[in-house]
N, C-alpha and C. Protein backbone atom coordinates (compact mmCIF):
# COMPACT_ATOMS: atom_id res chain seq x y z
N MET A 1 38.60 -116.78 49.29
CA MET A 1 37.50 -116.36 50.16
C MET A 1 37.49 -117.23 51.42
N THR A 2 37.36 -116.58 52.56
CA THR A 2 37.35 -117.30 53.83
C THR A 2 35.93 -117.75 54.16
N ASP A 3 35.80 -119.03 54.53
CA ASP A 3 34.48 -119.54 54.89
C ASP A 3 34.04 -118.95 56.22
N THR A 4 32.80 -118.55 56.29
CA THR A 4 32.20 -118.11 57.54
C THR A 4 31.40 -119.29 58.10
N PRO A 5 31.06 -119.25 59.41
CA PRO A 5 30.36 -120.39 60.01
C PRO A 5 29.10 -120.81 59.27
N ASP A 6 28.41 -119.87 58.66
CA ASP A 6 27.16 -120.22 57.99
C ASP A 6 27.29 -120.26 56.47
N SER A 7 28.53 -120.15 55.98
CA SER A 7 28.68 -120.16 54.54
C SER A 7 28.55 -121.57 54.01
N THR A 8 28.10 -121.71 52.77
CA THR A 8 27.92 -123.01 52.16
C THR A 8 28.13 -122.89 50.66
N SER A 9 28.53 -124.00 50.08
CA SER A 9 28.70 -124.07 48.64
C SER A 9 28.67 -125.54 48.28
N PRO A 10 28.39 -125.87 47.04
CA PRO A 10 28.40 -127.29 46.65
C PRO A 10 29.73 -127.96 46.93
N GLU A 11 30.84 -127.23 46.70
CA GLU A 11 32.15 -127.82 46.94
C GLU A 11 32.39 -128.09 48.42
N ARG A 12 32.04 -127.10 49.25
CA ARG A 12 32.24 -127.28 50.69
C ARG A 12 31.35 -128.39 51.22
N ASP A 13 30.11 -128.43 50.78
CA ASP A 13 29.21 -129.48 51.22
C ASP A 13 29.73 -130.86 50.83
N GLU A 14 30.31 -130.97 49.65
CA GLU A 14 30.83 -132.26 49.20
C GLU A 14 32.06 -132.65 50.02
N ARG A 15 32.95 -131.70 50.33
CA ARG A 15 34.11 -132.00 51.15
C ARG A 15 33.68 -132.49 52.53
N HIS A 16 32.66 -131.82 53.09
CA HIS A 16 32.15 -132.23 54.40
C HIS A 16 31.58 -133.65 54.33
N ARG A 17 30.78 -133.92 53.30
CA ARG A 17 30.18 -135.25 53.16
C ARG A 17 31.26 -136.32 53.05
N ALA A 18 32.30 -136.05 52.27
CA ALA A 18 33.37 -137.03 52.07
C ALA A 18 34.11 -137.29 53.39
N ARG A 19 34.36 -136.22 54.17
CA ARG A 19 35.02 -136.40 55.47
C ARG A 19 34.17 -137.25 56.40
N MET A 20 32.86 -136.99 56.42
CA MET A 20 31.97 -137.75 57.30
C MET A 20 31.86 -139.20 56.87
N VAL A 21 31.91 -139.48 55.59
CA VAL A 21 31.89 -140.85 55.10
C VAL A 21 33.13 -141.59 55.59
N ARG A 22 34.29 -140.95 55.48
CA ARG A 22 35.53 -141.57 55.95
C ARG A 22 35.50 -141.77 57.46
N LYS A 23 35.00 -140.76 58.18
CA LYS A 23 34.94 -140.86 59.64
C LYS A 23 34.01 -141.98 60.08
N LYS A 24 32.86 -142.08 59.41
CA LYS A 24 31.90 -143.12 59.76
C LYS A 24 32.50 -144.50 59.53
N ALA A 25 33.27 -144.67 58.46
CA ALA A 25 33.89 -145.97 58.19
C ALA A 25 34.85 -146.35 59.30
N VAL A 26 35.62 -145.37 59.80
CA VAL A 26 36.56 -145.64 60.89
C VAL A 26 35.82 -146.01 62.16
N ILE A 27 34.78 -145.24 62.49
CA ILE A 27 34.03 -145.50 63.72
C ILE A 27 33.31 -146.83 63.64
N ASP A 28 32.70 -147.13 62.50
CA ASP A 28 32.00 -148.41 62.34
C ASP A 28 32.96 -149.58 62.51
N ALA A 29 34.19 -149.44 62.01
CA ALA A 29 35.18 -150.51 62.15
C ALA A 29 35.55 -150.71 63.61
N ARG A 30 35.69 -149.60 64.35
CA ARG A 30 36.03 -149.72 65.77
C ARG A 30 34.90 -150.37 66.55
N ILE A 31 33.68 -150.00 66.22
CA ILE A 31 32.52 -150.61 66.89
C ILE A 31 32.46 -152.10 66.60
N ALA A 32 32.73 -152.47 65.36
CA ALA A 32 32.69 -153.88 64.98
C ALA A 32 33.75 -154.68 65.72
N ASP A 33 34.89 -154.06 66.01
CA ASP A 33 35.97 -154.75 66.71
C ASP A 33 35.71 -154.85 68.21
N ALA A 34 34.86 -153.98 68.75
CA ALA A 34 34.61 -153.93 70.20
C ALA A 34 33.40 -154.80 70.54
N GLN A 35 33.63 -156.08 70.63
CA GLN A 35 32.54 -157.03 70.87
C GLN A 35 32.51 -157.55 72.31
N ASP A 36 33.54 -157.26 73.09
CA ASP A 36 33.57 -157.72 74.48
C ASP A 36 32.55 -156.95 75.30
N GLU A 37 31.78 -157.66 76.10
CA GLU A 37 30.77 -157.02 76.96
C GLU A 37 30.92 -157.57 78.36
N ARG A 38 31.27 -156.69 79.31
CA ARG A 38 31.50 -157.11 80.70
C ARG A 38 31.43 -155.90 81.60
N GLY A 39 31.42 -156.16 82.89
CA GLY A 39 31.43 -155.07 83.84
C GLY A 39 32.76 -154.32 83.80
N LEU A 40 32.68 -153.01 83.86
CA LEU A 40 33.86 -152.15 83.76
C LEU A 40 34.23 -151.55 85.11
N LEU A 41 35.52 -151.30 85.28
CA LEU A 41 36.03 -150.55 86.42
C LEU A 41 36.47 -149.19 85.91
N LEU A 42 35.81 -148.15 86.40
CA LEU A 42 36.10 -146.78 85.97
C LEU A 42 36.63 -145.97 87.14
N VAL A 43 37.60 -145.13 86.88
CA VAL A 43 38.20 -144.30 87.92
C VAL A 43 38.13 -142.85 87.50
N HIS A 44 37.58 -142.02 88.38
CA HIS A 44 37.53 -140.56 88.17
C HIS A 44 38.47 -139.93 89.21
N THR A 45 39.55 -139.35 88.75
CA THR A 45 40.53 -138.79 89.67
C THR A 45 40.97 -137.41 89.18
N GLY A 46 41.99 -136.84 89.81
CA GLY A 46 42.46 -135.51 89.44
C GLY A 46 41.99 -134.45 90.42
N ILE A 47 42.55 -133.25 90.30
CA ILE A 47 42.27 -132.19 91.26
C ILE A 47 41.11 -131.30 90.83
N GLY A 48 40.57 -131.54 89.66
CA GLY A 48 39.48 -130.70 89.17
C GLY A 48 38.13 -131.12 89.72
N LYS A 49 37.16 -130.22 89.62
CA LYS A 49 35.80 -130.50 90.05
C LYS A 49 35.12 -131.43 89.06
N GLY A 50 34.21 -132.28 89.55
CA GLY A 50 33.38 -133.06 88.66
C GLY A 50 33.52 -134.56 88.77
N LYS A 51 34.38 -135.05 89.64
CA LYS A 51 34.60 -136.49 89.74
C LYS A 51 33.35 -137.20 90.25
N SER A 52 32.86 -136.77 91.39
CA SER A 52 31.65 -137.38 91.95
C SER A 52 30.43 -137.03 91.10
N SER A 53 30.37 -135.79 90.62
CA SER A 53 29.23 -135.37 89.81
C SER A 53 29.06 -136.26 88.59
N SER A 54 30.17 -136.57 87.92
CA SER A 54 30.12 -137.44 86.76
C SER A 54 29.68 -138.85 87.16
N ALA A 55 30.20 -139.34 88.27
CA ALA A 55 29.85 -140.68 88.72
C ALA A 55 28.37 -140.79 89.04
N PHE A 56 27.82 -139.77 89.70
CA PHE A 56 26.39 -139.81 90.02
C PHE A 56 25.55 -139.65 88.76
N GLY A 57 26.07 -138.97 87.76
CA GLY A 57 25.38 -138.94 86.47
C GLY A 57 25.30 -140.33 85.87
N MET A 58 26.35 -141.11 86.01
CA MET A 58 26.33 -142.49 85.54
C MET A 58 25.33 -143.32 86.34
N ALA A 59 25.22 -143.05 87.63
CA ALA A 59 24.23 -143.76 88.44
C ALA A 59 22.82 -143.47 87.95
N ALA A 60 22.55 -142.20 87.61
CA ALA A 60 21.24 -141.84 87.07
C ALA A 60 21.01 -142.53 85.73
N ARG A 61 22.04 -142.60 84.91
CA ARG A 61 21.93 -143.28 83.61
C ARG A 61 21.62 -144.76 83.82
N ALA A 62 22.30 -145.39 84.78
CA ALA A 62 22.05 -146.81 85.05
C ALA A 62 20.60 -147.03 85.49
N LEU A 63 20.10 -146.15 86.36
CA LEU A 63 18.71 -146.24 86.79
C LEU A 63 17.76 -146.13 85.61
N GLY A 64 18.09 -145.24 84.69
CA GLY A 64 17.25 -145.07 83.51
C GLY A 64 17.14 -146.33 82.68
N HIS A 65 18.16 -147.19 82.75
CA HIS A 65 18.15 -148.46 82.03
C HIS A 65 17.65 -149.61 82.89
N GLY A 66 17.07 -149.29 84.04
CA GLY A 66 16.48 -150.32 84.89
C GLY A 66 17.46 -151.09 85.74
N MET A 67 18.68 -150.58 85.89
CA MET A 67 19.68 -151.26 86.70
C MET A 67 19.56 -150.85 88.16
N GLN A 68 19.95 -151.74 89.06
CA GLN A 68 20.05 -151.39 90.47
C GLN A 68 21.43 -150.80 90.74
N VAL A 69 21.48 -149.88 91.68
CA VAL A 69 22.71 -149.13 91.96
C VAL A 69 23.03 -149.21 93.45
N GLY A 70 24.31 -149.37 93.75
CA GLY A 70 24.79 -149.31 95.12
C GLY A 70 25.78 -148.17 95.27
N VAL A 71 25.67 -147.39 96.34
CA VAL A 71 26.55 -146.24 96.58
C VAL A 71 27.13 -146.33 97.98
N VAL A 72 28.45 -146.15 98.05
CA VAL A 72 29.12 -146.02 99.36
C VAL A 72 29.96 -144.76 99.31
N GLN A 73 29.71 -143.84 100.25
CA GLN A 73 30.51 -142.62 100.34
C GLN A 73 31.45 -142.76 101.53
N PHE A 74 32.75 -142.65 101.24
CA PHE A 74 33.77 -142.98 102.23
C PHE A 74 34.16 -141.82 103.13
N ILE A 75 34.16 -140.61 102.66
CA ILE A 75 34.64 -139.48 103.45
C ILE A 75 33.51 -138.53 103.79
N LYS A 76 32.72 -138.19 102.79
CA LYS A 76 31.63 -137.25 103.01
C LYS A 76 30.61 -137.84 103.97
N GLY A 77 29.95 -136.99 104.74
CA GLY A 77 28.96 -137.53 105.63
C GLY A 77 28.41 -136.57 106.67
N ARG A 78 28.98 -135.39 106.79
CA ARG A 78 28.54 -134.49 107.85
C ARG A 78 27.37 -133.61 107.43
N ARG A 79 27.04 -133.58 106.14
CA ARG A 79 25.86 -132.84 105.69
C ARG A 79 25.20 -133.62 104.57
N ASP A 80 23.90 -133.47 104.47
CA ASP A 80 23.16 -134.13 103.40
C ASP A 80 23.52 -133.47 102.07
N THR A 81 23.91 -134.28 101.10
CA THR A 81 24.22 -133.76 99.78
C THR A 81 22.99 -133.85 98.89
N GLY A 82 23.01 -133.07 97.83
CA GLY A 82 21.89 -133.10 96.89
C GLY A 82 21.71 -134.46 96.27
N GLU A 83 22.83 -135.14 95.95
CA GLU A 83 22.71 -136.46 95.33
C GLU A 83 22.12 -137.47 96.31
N GLN A 84 22.50 -137.36 97.58
CA GLN A 84 21.92 -138.27 98.57
C GLN A 84 20.41 -138.04 98.68
N LEU A 85 20.01 -136.79 98.78
CA LEU A 85 18.60 -136.47 98.90
C LEU A 85 17.81 -136.94 97.68
N PHE A 86 18.44 -136.86 96.50
CA PHE A 86 17.76 -137.28 95.28
C PHE A 86 17.65 -138.80 95.19
N PHE A 87 18.76 -139.51 95.35
CA PHE A 87 18.75 -140.95 95.13
C PHE A 87 18.02 -141.70 96.24
N LYS A 88 17.85 -141.06 97.39
CA LYS A 88 17.05 -141.67 98.45
C LYS A 88 15.58 -141.80 98.05
N ARG A 89 15.20 -141.12 96.98
CA ARG A 89 13.82 -141.23 96.49
C ARG A 89 13.57 -142.57 95.80
N PHE A 90 14.63 -143.35 95.60
CA PHE A 90 14.50 -144.62 94.90
C PHE A 90 14.99 -145.77 95.79
N PRO A 91 14.29 -145.99 96.90
CA PRO A 91 14.78 -146.99 97.87
C PRO A 91 14.82 -148.41 97.33
N ASP A 92 14.00 -148.72 96.34
CA ASP A 92 13.97 -150.07 95.79
C ASP A 92 15.06 -150.29 94.74
N GLU A 93 15.58 -149.19 94.19
CA GLU A 93 16.58 -149.30 93.12
C GLU A 93 17.98 -148.90 93.56
N VAL A 94 18.09 -148.09 94.64
CA VAL A 94 19.39 -147.57 95.05
C VAL A 94 19.65 -147.92 96.51
N ARG A 95 20.76 -148.56 96.75
CA ARG A 95 21.21 -148.81 98.13
C ARG A 95 22.30 -147.79 98.43
N TYR A 96 21.96 -146.81 99.23
CA TYR A 96 22.81 -145.64 99.44
C TYR A 96 23.34 -145.64 100.86
N HIS A 97 24.68 -145.64 101.00
CA HIS A 97 25.30 -145.71 102.32
C HIS A 97 26.30 -144.56 102.48
N VAL A 98 26.01 -143.67 103.40
CA VAL A 98 26.94 -142.59 103.75
C VAL A 98 27.74 -143.07 104.96
N MET A 99 28.99 -143.41 104.74
CA MET A 99 29.79 -144.05 105.78
C MET A 99 30.87 -143.15 106.36
N GLY A 100 31.14 -142.03 105.73
CA GLY A 100 32.17 -141.14 106.24
C GLY A 100 31.66 -140.29 107.39
N GLU A 101 32.59 -139.62 108.05
CA GLU A 101 32.23 -138.72 109.16
C GLU A 101 32.71 -137.30 108.89
N GLY A 102 32.93 -137.01 107.62
CA GLY A 102 33.39 -135.67 107.27
C GLY A 102 34.83 -135.72 106.79
N PHE A 103 35.29 -134.60 106.28
CA PHE A 103 36.64 -134.52 105.75
C PHE A 103 37.67 -134.72 106.86
N THR A 104 38.84 -135.22 106.48
CA THR A 104 39.84 -135.57 107.49
C THR A 104 40.29 -134.38 108.29
N TRP A 105 40.28 -133.18 107.71
CA TRP A 105 40.69 -132.00 108.47
C TRP A 105 39.63 -131.58 109.49
N ASP A 106 38.40 -132.13 109.33
CA ASP A 106 37.36 -131.88 110.32
C ASP A 106 37.39 -132.91 111.44
N THR A 107 37.55 -134.19 111.07
CA THR A 107 37.51 -135.23 112.10
C THR A 107 38.76 -135.17 112.99
N GLN A 108 39.93 -135.00 112.38
CA GLN A 108 41.20 -134.90 113.12
C GLN A 108 41.41 -136.08 114.06
N ASP A 109 40.92 -137.25 113.63
CA ASP A 109 40.99 -138.45 114.46
C ASP A 109 41.28 -139.64 113.56
N ARG A 110 42.54 -139.98 113.40
CA ARG A 110 42.92 -141.04 112.46
C ARG A 110 42.32 -142.39 112.86
N ALA A 111 42.32 -142.70 114.13
CA ALA A 111 41.78 -143.99 114.56
C ALA A 111 40.31 -144.12 114.18
N ARG A 112 39.55 -143.06 114.38
CA ARG A 112 38.14 -143.10 114.02
C ARG A 112 37.96 -143.18 112.51
N ASP A 113 38.82 -142.46 111.77
CA ASP A 113 38.74 -142.50 110.31
C ASP A 113 39.04 -143.91 109.79
N LEU A 114 40.01 -144.58 110.41
CA LEU A 114 40.33 -145.95 110.02
C LEU A 114 39.14 -146.88 110.25
N GLN A 115 38.47 -146.72 111.37
CA GLN A 115 37.30 -147.54 111.67
C GLN A 115 36.18 -147.28 110.67
N SER A 116 35.97 -146.00 110.34
CA SER A 116 34.92 -145.64 109.39
C SER A 116 35.20 -146.23 108.01
N ALA A 117 36.47 -146.15 107.59
CA ALA A 117 36.83 -146.68 106.28
C ALA A 117 36.66 -148.20 106.22
N ALA A 118 37.04 -148.88 107.29
CA ALA A 118 36.89 -150.34 107.34
C ALA A 118 35.41 -150.73 107.29
N ALA A 119 34.59 -149.99 108.03
CA ALA A 119 33.15 -150.27 108.02
C ALA A 119 32.56 -150.00 106.64
N ALA A 120 33.02 -148.93 106.00
CA ALA A 120 32.53 -148.59 104.67
C ALA A 120 32.90 -149.67 103.66
N TRP A 121 34.14 -150.18 103.77
CA TRP A 121 34.55 -151.20 102.81
C TRP A 121 33.78 -152.50 103.04
N ALA A 122 33.44 -152.81 104.27
CA ALA A 122 32.64 -154.00 104.54
C ALA A 122 31.28 -153.90 103.84
N VAL A 123 30.70 -152.72 103.86
CA VAL A 123 29.43 -152.50 103.16
C VAL A 123 29.64 -152.60 101.66
N ALA A 124 30.74 -152.03 101.18
CA ALA A 124 31.04 -152.08 99.75
C ALA A 124 31.18 -153.53 99.27
N VAL A 125 31.83 -154.37 100.06
CA VAL A 125 32.00 -155.77 99.67
C VAL A 125 30.65 -156.46 99.54
N GLU A 126 29.71 -156.14 100.41
CA GLU A 126 28.37 -156.71 100.29
C GLU A 126 27.74 -156.34 98.95
N LEU A 127 27.91 -155.10 98.54
CA LEU A 127 27.36 -154.66 97.26
C LEU A 127 28.08 -155.36 96.10
N LEU A 128 29.39 -155.49 96.23
CA LEU A 128 30.19 -156.11 95.17
C LEU A 128 29.91 -157.59 95.02
N ARG A 129 29.32 -158.20 96.01
CA ARG A 129 28.98 -159.62 95.94
C ARG A 129 27.53 -159.87 95.52
N ASP A 130 26.78 -158.82 95.29
CA ASP A 130 25.36 -158.94 94.96
C ASP A 130 25.18 -158.86 93.44
N PRO A 131 24.84 -159.95 92.78
CA PRO A 131 24.69 -159.94 91.33
C PRO A 131 23.50 -159.12 90.84
N ALA A 132 22.61 -158.74 91.75
CA ALA A 132 21.46 -157.94 91.33
C ALA A 132 21.84 -156.48 91.09
N ILE A 133 22.98 -156.05 91.60
CA ILE A 133 23.39 -154.65 91.48
C ILE A 133 24.26 -154.50 90.23
N GLY A 134 23.82 -153.61 89.34
CA GLY A 134 24.53 -153.42 88.08
C GLY A 134 25.64 -152.41 88.14
N LEU A 135 25.54 -151.45 89.07
CA LEU A 135 26.56 -150.39 89.17
C LEU A 135 26.83 -150.09 90.64
N VAL A 136 28.10 -150.10 91.02
CA VAL A 136 28.51 -149.74 92.38
C VAL A 136 29.37 -148.50 92.29
N LEU A 137 28.99 -147.47 93.05
CA LEU A 137 29.73 -146.21 93.07
C LEU A 137 30.45 -146.10 94.42
N LEU A 138 31.77 -146.03 94.37
CA LEU A 138 32.59 -145.92 95.57
C LEU A 138 33.16 -144.51 95.62
N ASP A 139 32.40 -143.62 96.24
CA ASP A 139 32.71 -142.20 96.22
C ASP A 139 33.80 -141.85 97.23
N GLU A 140 34.85 -141.18 96.76
CA GLU A 140 36.00 -140.75 97.57
C GLU A 140 36.81 -141.92 98.12
N LEU A 141 36.71 -143.07 97.48
CA LEU A 141 37.54 -144.20 97.90
C LEU A 141 39.03 -143.87 97.78
N ASN A 142 39.39 -143.09 96.76
CA ASN A 142 40.80 -142.75 96.58
C ASN A 142 41.37 -141.97 97.76
N ILE A 143 40.54 -141.20 98.43
CA ILE A 143 41.02 -140.45 99.60
C ILE A 143 41.35 -141.42 100.73
N ALA A 144 40.55 -142.47 100.85
CA ALA A 144 40.85 -143.50 101.86
C ALA A 144 42.19 -144.17 101.55
N PHE A 145 42.47 -144.38 100.27
CA PHE A 145 43.77 -144.93 99.89
C PHE A 145 44.89 -143.95 100.23
N LYS A 146 44.66 -142.69 99.90
CA LYS A 146 45.68 -141.66 100.10
C LYS A 146 46.16 -141.58 101.53
N HIS A 147 45.23 -141.75 102.47
CA HIS A 147 45.57 -141.65 103.89
C HIS A 147 45.93 -143.00 104.51
N GLY A 148 45.98 -144.04 103.69
CA GLY A 148 46.36 -145.34 104.19
C GLY A 148 45.30 -146.03 105.03
N TYR A 149 44.03 -145.68 104.81
CA TYR A 149 42.96 -146.28 105.59
C TYR A 149 42.60 -147.68 105.11
N LEU A 150 42.86 -147.96 103.83
CA LEU A 150 42.52 -149.25 103.25
C LEU A 150 43.72 -149.79 102.47
N ASP A 151 43.79 -151.11 102.37
CA ASP A 151 44.86 -151.76 101.62
C ASP A 151 44.45 -151.87 100.15
N VAL A 152 45.24 -151.30 99.27
CA VAL A 152 44.91 -151.28 97.85
C VAL A 152 44.81 -152.69 97.28
N ASP A 153 45.74 -153.55 97.63
CA ASP A 153 45.74 -154.91 97.08
C ASP A 153 44.49 -155.67 97.48
N GLN A 154 44.06 -155.52 98.73
CA GLN A 154 42.84 -156.21 99.17
C GLN A 154 41.62 -155.67 98.44
N VAL A 155 41.56 -154.36 98.27
CA VAL A 155 40.43 -153.76 97.56
C VAL A 155 40.40 -154.26 96.12
N LEU A 156 41.55 -154.30 95.45
CA LEU A 156 41.59 -154.77 94.07
C LEU A 156 41.17 -156.24 93.97
N ALA A 157 41.54 -157.03 94.96
CA ALA A 157 41.13 -158.44 94.96
C ALA A 157 39.61 -158.55 95.09
N ASP A 158 39.02 -157.74 95.96
CA ASP A 158 37.57 -157.76 96.12
C ASP A 158 36.87 -157.27 94.85
N LEU A 159 37.45 -156.26 94.21
CA LEU A 159 36.87 -155.77 92.96
C LEU A 159 36.94 -156.83 91.87
N ALA A 160 38.04 -157.55 91.82
CA ALA A 160 38.21 -158.59 90.80
C ALA A 160 37.23 -159.74 91.00
N GLY A 161 36.76 -159.94 92.23
CA GLY A 161 35.85 -161.04 92.52
C GLY A 161 34.38 -160.70 92.36
N ARG A 162 34.07 -159.52 91.89
CA ARG A 162 32.67 -159.12 91.74
C ARG A 162 32.01 -159.86 90.57
N PRO A 163 30.67 -159.83 90.48
CA PRO A 163 29.99 -160.46 89.34
C PRO A 163 30.49 -159.90 88.01
N ALA A 164 30.54 -160.74 87.01
CA ALA A 164 31.18 -160.38 85.74
C ALA A 164 30.51 -159.21 85.04
N HIS A 165 29.22 -159.01 85.28
CA HIS A 165 28.48 -157.95 84.57
C HIS A 165 28.47 -156.63 85.34
N GLN A 166 28.96 -156.60 86.56
CA GLN A 166 28.81 -155.44 87.44
C GLN A 166 29.85 -154.36 87.14
N HIS A 167 29.37 -153.12 86.99
CA HIS A 167 30.24 -151.98 86.78
C HIS A 167 30.58 -151.33 88.12
N VAL A 168 31.78 -150.76 88.23
CA VAL A 168 32.21 -150.06 89.44
C VAL A 168 32.83 -148.73 89.04
N VAL A 169 32.44 -147.66 89.75
CA VAL A 169 33.03 -146.35 89.54
C VAL A 169 33.67 -145.90 90.84
N VAL A 170 34.95 -145.53 90.77
CA VAL A 170 35.70 -145.06 91.94
C VAL A 170 36.05 -143.59 91.73
N THR A 171 35.81 -142.77 92.75
CA THR A 171 36.13 -141.35 92.63
C THR A 171 37.14 -140.92 93.69
N GLY A 172 37.68 -139.73 93.49
CA GLY A 172 38.59 -139.14 94.46
C GLY A 172 39.94 -138.82 93.84
N ARG A 173 40.52 -137.71 94.27
CA ARG A 173 41.84 -137.33 93.75
C ARG A 173 42.91 -138.29 94.26
N GLY A 174 44.01 -138.36 93.51
CA GLY A 174 45.14 -139.17 93.95
C GLY A 174 44.93 -140.66 93.83
N ALA A 175 44.30 -141.12 92.78
CA ALA A 175 44.11 -142.57 92.60
C ALA A 175 45.47 -143.27 92.58
N PRO A 176 45.62 -144.36 93.33
CA PRO A 176 46.91 -145.05 93.36
C PRO A 176 47.22 -145.72 92.02
N PRO A 177 48.50 -145.84 91.68
CA PRO A 177 48.88 -146.43 90.39
C PRO A 177 48.29 -147.82 90.15
N ALA A 178 48.23 -148.65 91.19
CA ALA A 178 47.71 -150.00 91.01
C ALA A 178 46.25 -149.99 90.59
N LEU A 179 45.47 -149.06 91.13
CA LEU A 179 44.07 -148.94 90.75
C LEU A 179 43.95 -148.45 89.31
N ILE A 180 44.77 -147.48 88.94
CA ILE A 180 44.76 -146.98 87.56
C ILE A 180 45.11 -148.09 86.59
N GLU A 181 46.09 -148.90 86.96
CA GLU A 181 46.50 -150.01 86.09
C GLU A 181 45.37 -151.03 85.93
N ALA A 182 44.63 -151.29 86.98
CA ALA A 182 43.56 -152.29 86.94
C ALA A 182 42.31 -151.79 86.24
N ALA A 183 42.13 -150.48 86.18
CA ALA A 183 40.89 -149.90 85.65
C ALA A 183 40.80 -150.07 84.14
N ASP A 184 39.55 -150.10 83.65
CA ASP A 184 39.29 -150.12 82.21
C ASP A 184 39.27 -148.71 81.63
N THR A 185 38.73 -147.77 82.39
CA THR A 185 38.62 -146.38 81.94
C THR A 185 39.04 -145.47 83.08
N VAL A 186 39.95 -144.55 82.80
CA VAL A 186 40.43 -143.60 83.81
C VAL A 186 40.30 -142.19 83.25
N THR A 187 39.67 -141.32 84.03
CA THR A 187 39.54 -139.92 83.65
C THR A 187 40.20 -139.06 84.72
N ASP A 188 41.11 -138.19 84.29
CA ASP A 188 41.80 -137.28 85.20
C ASP A 188 41.21 -135.89 85.00
N MET A 189 40.47 -135.43 86.02
CA MET A 189 39.84 -134.11 85.96
C MET A 189 40.88 -133.04 86.27
N SER A 190 41.18 -132.20 85.31
CA SER A 190 42.16 -131.13 85.53
C SER A 190 41.45 -129.87 86.01
N LEU A 191 42.19 -129.04 86.74
CA LEU A 191 41.65 -127.78 87.25
C LEU A 191 42.14 -126.63 86.39
N VAL A 192 41.22 -125.90 85.81
CA VAL A 192 41.54 -124.69 85.06
C VAL A 192 41.23 -123.46 85.89
N LYS A 193 40.07 -123.48 86.55
CA LYS A 193 39.63 -122.34 87.34
C LYS A 193 38.53 -122.81 88.28
N HIS A 194 38.51 -122.28 89.50
CA HIS A 194 37.49 -122.66 90.46
C HIS A 194 37.04 -121.42 91.23
N ALA A 195 35.75 -121.30 91.43
CA ALA A 195 35.19 -120.13 92.11
C ALA A 195 35.76 -119.96 93.51
N PHE A 196 36.06 -121.05 94.18
CA PHE A 196 36.58 -120.98 95.55
C PHE A 196 37.87 -120.19 95.61
N GLN A 197 38.66 -120.24 94.54
CA GLN A 197 39.92 -119.51 94.50
C GLN A 197 39.68 -118.00 94.50
N SER A 198 38.49 -117.59 94.13
CA SER A 198 38.13 -116.16 94.13
C SER A 198 37.35 -115.76 95.37
N GLY A 199 37.30 -116.66 96.34
CA GLY A 199 36.62 -116.34 97.60
C GLY A 199 35.14 -116.66 97.62
N VAL A 200 34.65 -117.41 96.63
CA VAL A 200 33.24 -117.77 96.59
C VAL A 200 33.04 -119.05 97.39
N ARG A 201 32.13 -119.03 98.33
CA ARG A 201 31.90 -120.19 99.16
C ARG A 201 31.17 -121.28 98.38
N ALA A 202 31.21 -122.52 98.88
CA ALA A 202 30.54 -123.65 98.24
C ALA A 202 29.05 -123.38 98.12
N GLN A 203 28.50 -123.63 96.96
CA GLN A 203 27.11 -123.33 96.67
C GLN A 203 26.24 -124.60 96.69
N GLN A 204 25.10 -124.51 97.36
CA GLN A 204 24.16 -125.61 97.38
C GLN A 204 23.70 -125.92 95.95
N GLY A 205 23.67 -127.18 95.62
CA GLY A 205 23.27 -127.58 94.27
C GLY A 205 24.42 -127.59 93.29
N ILE A 206 25.56 -127.02 93.65
CA ILE A 206 26.74 -127.00 92.79
C ILE A 206 27.85 -127.84 93.42
N GLU A 207 28.14 -127.56 94.68
CA GLU A 207 29.22 -128.27 95.38
C GLU A 207 28.71 -129.41 96.27
N TRP A 208 27.46 -129.32 96.70
CA TRP A 208 26.94 -130.35 97.60
C TRP A 208 25.43 -130.44 97.48
C-alpha cells in the first residue's frame, strides 16, 4: 500500500519518530561543536534575484535584536528604493548611505564612477571602525570590484580590521575569488526564471 500525504499508522509514526530522534542527535552534536562566536563576513552573489533583498532582511533581523546597522549602497542611487524609504524611518538605529549614481550603463562615466566608489568606501570604512554598529551591509560592492573601481586587497584588509563582533554582508553578482575565500558564508543566487525575460518591467515593491 502506498502512503498518502495524510496517511498514518503506528508503524509509520514510529519510523518517523525514530528518524527524528537520529536527526536531532546529529544536529545537537553539531550545535555543541559550534561554540565560536564572532562577527561574520557573508557574501550574496550570483545572477539570480534576491541578493540585496536577503541582505536587507538580515538588516531587519539585526534591528529586531536591538543592533545598530550601517548601509552603504555602491551603485544604486538614482531612485529611492523601498528599503531606503523603510530603513530611513530608524535614524537612530540605521546609518544609511546611498553613494552610487546609478547603474554603470546609465552613468557612462568611468572617472565619475571611480570617484563615487572611492567616496562610498571611505564611508564604509567609518562604519567598519565603529564598534557600536553590529551589522554593515555593503550593497553592490561586488559590482565595484567587477569594474575595477576598488582594490580587493585593500577592502579585505579593512574588513579584517573591523571590530571582532561586527557582521558584514556584501552583495552583488561576480564576487571576486579572494572575497569568497575570505568569507564565512557565501550564497550563490541562481537564476531559474525572471519576469523581465518575458517583457515585464521592474515592479515597485518587488525590484526597487
